[in-house]
Amino acid sequence: MKRRALAVAVFLSFIALGCAETPRTATNFCRVLADRIDEMTSPPTSNGEVERLVEHYERLAEVAPLEVEADFIALRDVFVAASKVNVGDTESVQALADAAYLAETSADRAAMYAAATCGVDLSTGFAVQVPTLTPETVATTLP
């Protein structure tokens, strides 16, 4: 009887942990982004602000749909590298530049996802209007 009670308790704890995880939905991602975008678009002027950016991108990676999770992790990693850079060491600065260069594709994908899904420009925080239709092309003839 004790084994059965223990098994039920373990099972219920796994269910509780699974239910406690933040859902990875576009709606939830956009909500988290809206809560954080103002701080994310202000250029950091201190190590504390860089660390706060790391926290923002970490949280976005936690709630991002799996299709863009790796992109937000890559951006977070650039800010982690920025928080550790030694500006007096050229190798440290070059390592940060290399990390930023390698994350460029991820940054583009993350920006496109945020714009298309949430209507937000990640670099400015401004609302963007995503076209829903392909613009018509008008045939022109020269006289």
C-alpha atoms as a PDB file:
ATOM      1  CA  MET A   1       0.000   0.000   0.000  1.00  0.00           C
ATOM      2  CA  LYS A   2       2.853   2.385   0.841  1.00  0.00           C
ATOM      3  CA  ARG A   3       4.471   1.743  -2.540  1.00  0.00           C
ATOM      4  CA  ARG A   4       1.273   2.572  -4.329  1.00  0.00           C
ATOM      5  CA  ALA A   5       0.855   5.800  -2.357  1.00  0.00           C
ATOM      6  CA  LEU A   6       4.463   6.721  -3.121  1.00  0.00           C
ATOM      7  CA  ALA A   7       3.983   5.970  -6.813  1.00  0.00           C
ATOM      8  CA  VAL A   8       0.853   8.129  -6.913  1.00  0.00           C
ATOM      9  CA  ALA A   9       2.666  10.962  -5.127  1.00  0.00           C
ATOM     10  CA  VAL A  10       5.584  10.816  -7.567  1.00  0.00           C
ATOM     11  CA  PHE A  11       3.207  10.730 -10.533  1.00  0.00           C
ATOM     12  CA  LEU A  12       1.252  13.727  -9.255  1.00  0.00           C
ATOM     13  CA  SER A  13       4.442  15.692  -8.641  1.00  0.00           C
ATOM     14  CA  PHE A  14       5.511  15.131 -12.258  1.00  0.00           C
ATOM     15  CA  ILE A  15       2.114  16.308 -13.455  1.00  0.00           C
ATOM     16  CA  ALA A  16       2.340  19.385 -11.235  1.00  0.00           C
ATOM     17  CA  LEU A  17       5.794  20.210 -12.592  1.00  0.00           C
ATOM     18  CA  GLY A  18       4.571  19.792 -16.157  1.00  0.00           C
ATOM     19  CA  CYS A  19       1.607  22.065 -15.531  1.00  0.00           C
ATOM     20  CA  ALA A  20       3.807  24.685 -13.894  1.00  0.00           C
ATOM     21  CA  GLU A  21       5.870  25.218 -17.043  1.00  0.00           C
ATOM     22  CA  THR A  22       5.044  28.401 -18.910  1.00  0.00           C
ATOM     23  CA  PRO A  23       3.273  27.601 -22.166  1.00  0.00           C
ATOM     24  CA  ARG A  24       5.295  28.120 -25.339  1.00  0.00           C
ATOM     25  CA  THR A  25       2.616  29.880 -27.324  1.00  0.00           C
ATOM     26  CA  ALA A  26       2.767  32.900 -29.577  1.00  0.00           C
ATOM     27  CA  THR A  27       0.278  34.675 -27.317  1.00  0.00           C
ATOM     28  CA  ASN A  28       2.376  34.120 -24.217  1.00  0.00           C
ATOM     29  CA  PHE A  29       5.562  35.085 -26.056  1.00  0.00           C
ATOM     30  CA  CYS A  30       3.997  38.365 -27.189  1.00  0.00           C
ATOM     31  CA  ARG A  31       2.759  39.090 -23.659  1.00  0.00           C
ATOM     32  CA  VAL A  32       6.242  38.569 -22.183  1.00  0.00           C
ATOM     33  CA  LEU A  33       7.811  40.633 -24.972  1.00  0.00           C
ATOM     34  CA  ALA A  34       5.344  43.486 -24.383  1.00  0.00           C
ATOM     35  CA  ASP A  35       6.204  43.483 -20.672  1.00  0.00           C
ATOM     36  CA  ARG A  36       9.944  43.735 -21.375  1.00  0.00           C
ATOM     37  CA  ILE A  37      10.406  45.557 -24.679  1.00  0.00           C
ATOM     38  CA  ASP A  38      10.978  49.027 -23.196  1.00  0.00           C
ATOM     39  CA  GLU A  39      14.029  47.875 -21.235  1.00  0.00           C
ATOM     40  CA  MET A  40      15.240  45.709 -24.122  1.00  0.00           C
ATOM     41  CA  THR A  41      15.419  48.582 -26.600  1.00  0.00           C
ATOM     42  CA  SER A  42      17.276  51.025 -24.362  1.00  0.00           C
ATOM     43  CA  PRO A  43      21.024  50.871 -25.029  1.00  0.00           C
ATOM     44  CA  PRO A  44      22.724  49.445 -21.926  1.00  0.00           C
ATOM     45  CA  THR A  45      25.023  51.868 -20.113  1.00  0.00           C
ATOM     46  CA  SER A  46      26.120  49.656 -17.232  1.00  0.00           C
ATOM     47  CA  ASN A  47      26.924  46.049 -16.460  1.00  0.00           C
ATOM     48  CA  GLY A  48      23.671  45.834 -14.515  1.00  0.00           C
ATOM     49  CA  GLU A  49      21.690  46.813 -17.600  1.00  0.00           C
ATOM     50  CA  VAL A  50      23.539  44.223 -19.698  1.00  0.00           C
ATOM     51  CA  GLU A  51      22.721  41.590 -17.078  1.00  0.00           C
ATOM     52  CA  ARG A  52      19.086  42.696 -17.234  1.00  0.00           C
ATOM     53  CA  LEU A  53      19.136  42.162 -21.013  1.00  0.00           C
ATOM     54  CA  VAL A  54      20.453  38.655 -20.395  1.00  0.00           C
ATOM     55  CA  GLU A  55      17.469  38.058 -18.092  1.00  0.00           C
ATOM     56  CA  HIS A  56      15.025  39.400 -20.695  1.00  0.00           C
ATOM     57  CA  TYR A  57      16.368  37.195 -23.478  1.00  0.00           C
ATOM     58  CA  GLU A  58      16.511  34.205 -21.121  1.00  0.00           C
ATOM     59  CA  ARG A  59      12.827  34.690 -20.299  1.00  0.00           C
ATOM     60  CA  LEU A  60      11.913  35.075 -23.964  1.00  0.00           C
ATOM     61  CA  ALA A  61      13.792  31.853 -24.758  1.00  0.00           C
ATOM     62  CA  GLU A  62      11.800  30.089 -22.023  1.00  0.00           C
ATOM     63  CA  VAL A  63       8.435  31.064 -23.513  1.00  0.00           C
ATOM     64  CA  ALA A  64       9.336  31.194 -27.206  1.00  0.00           C
ATOM     65  CA  PRO A  65       7.829  28.555 -29.444  1.00  0.00           C
ATOM     66  CA  LEU A  66      10.424  25.887 -30.198  1.00  0.00           C
ATOM     67  CA  GLU A  67      10.879  27.162 -33.763  1.00  0.00           C
ATOM     68  CA  VAL A  68      12.628  30.319 -32.471  1.00  0.00           C
ATOM     69  CA  GLU A  69      13.903  29.251 -29.053  1.00  0.00           C
ATOM     70  CA  ALA A  70      17.473  28.704 -30.305  1.00  0.00           C
ATOM     71  CA  ASP A  71      17.488  32.180 -31.864  1.00  0.00           C
ATOM     72  CA  PHE A  72      16.651  33.839 -28.553  1.00  0.00           C
ATOM     73  CA  ILE A  73      19.234  31.684 -26.771  1.00  0.00           C
ATOM     74  CA  ALA A  74      21.856  32.854 -29.289  1.00  0.00           C
ATOM     75  CA  LEU A  75      20.938  36.484 -28.587  1.00  0.00           C
ATOM     76  CA  ARG A  76      21.085  35.866 -24.852  1.00  0.00           C
ATOM     77  CA  ASP A  77      24.544  34.347 -25.289  1.00  0.00           C
ATOM     78  CA  VAL A  78      25.800  37.496 -27.044  1.00  0.00           C
ATOM     79  CA  PHE A  79      24.715  39.597 -24.070  1.00  0.00           C
ATOM     80  CA  VAL A  80      26.348  37.097 -21.701  1.00  0.00           C
ATOM     81  CA  ALA A  81      29.577  37.525 -23.674  1.00  0.00           C
ATOM     82  CA  ALA A  82      29.139  41.321 -23.577  1.00  0.00           C
ATOM     83  CA  SER A  83      28.783  41.233 -19.806  1.00  0.00           C
ATOM     84  CA  LYS A  84      32.127  39.434 -19.549  1.00  0.00           C
ATOM     85  CA  VAL A  85      34.156  41.358 -22.124  1.00  0.00           C
ATOM     86  CA  ASN A  86      37.375  43.015 -21.005  1.00  0.00           C
ATOM     87  CA  VAL A  87      37.576  46.186 -23.090  1.00  0.00           C
ATOM     88  CA  GLY A  88      41.310  46.420 -22.488  1.00  0.00           C
ATOM     89  CA  ASP A  89      41.917  42.985 -24.002  1.00  0.00           C
ATOM     90  CA  THR A  90      41.751  42.895 -27.794  1.00  0.00           C
ATOM     91  CA  GLU A  91      41.154  39.132 -27.823  1.00  0.00           C
ATOM     92  CA  SER A  92      38.171  39.539 -25.499  1.00  0.00           C
ATOM     93  CA  VAL A  93      36.729  42.305 -27.662  1.00  0.00           C
ATOM     94  CA  GLN A  94      37.296  40.240 -30.819  1.00  0.00           C
ATOM     95  CA  ALA A  95      35.579  37.226 -29.232  1.00  0.00           C
ATOM     96  CA  LEU A  96      32.525  39.400 -28.562  1.00  0.00           C
ATOM     97  CA  ALA A  97      32.565  40.729 -32.124  1.00  0.00           C
ATOM     98  CA  ASP A  98      32.783  37.161 -33.437  1.00  0.00           C
ATOM     99  CA  ALA A  99      29.882  36.059 -31.213  1.00  0.00           C
ATOM    100  CA  ALA A 100      27.771  38.977 -32.428  1.00  0.00           C
ATOM    101  CA  TYR A 101      28.598  38.163 -36.052  1.00  0.00           C
ATOM    102  CA  LEU A 102      27.675  34.502 -35.567  1.00  0.00           C
ATOM    103  CA  ALA A 103      24.353  35.489 -33.982  1.00  0.00           C
ATOM    104  CA  GLU A 104      23.357  37.726 -36.882  1.00  0.00           C
ATOM    105  CA  THR A 105      21.140  35.113 -38.548  1.00  0.00           C
ATOM    106  CA  SER A 106      19.480  34.341 -35.219  1.00  0.00           C
ATOM    107  CA  ALA A 107      18.913  38.054 -34.651  1.00  0.00           C
ATOM    108  CA  ASP A 108      17.258  38.356 -38.056  1.00  0.00           C
ATOM    109  CA  ARG A 109      14.990  35.359 -37.418  1.00  0.00           C
ATOM    110  CA  ALA A 110      14.079  36.587 -33.922  1.00  0.00           C
ATOM    111  CA  ALA A 111      13.288  40.052 -35.284  1.00  0.00           C
ATOM    112  CA  MET A 112      11.145  38.653 -38.089  1.00  0.00           C
ATOM    113  CA  TYR A 113       9.269  36.414 -35.639  1.00  0.00           C
ATOM    114  CA  ALA A 114       8.614  39.286 -33.214  1.00  0.00           C
ATOM    115  CA  ALA A 115       7.433  41.532 -36.052  1.00  0.00           C
ATOM    116  CA  ALA A 116       5.237  38.936 -37.746  1.00  0.00           C
ATOM    117  CA  THR A 117       3.785  37.457 -34.563  1.00  0.00           C
ATOM    118  CA  CYS A 118       3.643  40.370 -32.127  1.00  0.00           C
ATOM    119  CA  GLY A 119       3.842  43.384 -34.429  1.00  0.00           C
ATOM    120  CA  VAL A 120       6.917  44.673 -32.576  1.00  0.00           C
ATOM    121  CA  ASP A 121      10.301  45.766 -33.908  1.00  0.00           C
ATOM    122  CA  LEU A 122      12.870  44.211 -31.546  1.00  0.00           C
ATOM    123  CA  SER A 123      15.424  46.935 -32.212  1.00  0.00           C
ATOM    124  CA  THR A 124      13.173  49.913 -31.489  1.00  0.00           C
ATOM    125  CA  GLY A 125      10.181  48.556 -29.607  1.00  0.00           C
ATOM    126  CA  PHE A 126       7.881  50.315 -32.049  1.00  0.00           C
ATOM    127  CA  ALA A 127       4.765  48.665 -33.370  1.00  0.00           C
ATOM    128  CA  VAL A 128       5.126  47.539 -36.945  1.00  0.00           C
ATOM    129  CA  GLN A 129       2.425  46.847 -39.433  1.00  0.00           C
ATOM    130  CA  VAL A 130       3.019  43.518 -41.074  1.00  0.00           C
ATOM    131  CA  PRO A 131       1.536  43.337 -44.554  1.00  0.00           C
ATOM    132  CA  THR A 132      -1.158  40.702 -44.819  1.00  0.00           C
ATOM    133  CA  LEU A 133      -1.340  40.751 -48.600  1.00  0.00           C
ATOM    134  CA  THR A 134       1.263  40.761 -51.280  1.00  0.00           C
ATOM    135  CA  PRO A 135       1.280  44.192 -52.933  1.00  0.00           C
ATOM    136  CA  GLU A 136      -0.187  44.301 -56.405  1.00  0.00           C
ATOM    137  CA  THR A 137       2.174  44.932 -59.249  1.00  0.00           C
ATOM    138  CA  VAL A 138       0.965  47.189 -61.990  1.00  0.00           C
ATOM    139  CA  ALA A 139       2.209  46.555 -65.472  1.00  0.00           C
ATOM    140  CA  THR A 140       3.773  49.615 -66.990  1.00  0.00           C
ATOM    141  CA  THR A 141       4.543  50.225 -70.612  1.00  0.00           C
ATOM    142  CA  LEU A 142       6.891  52.739 -72.012  1.00  0.00           C
ATOM    143  CA  PRO A 143       5.563  55.122 -74.693  1.00  0.00           C
END
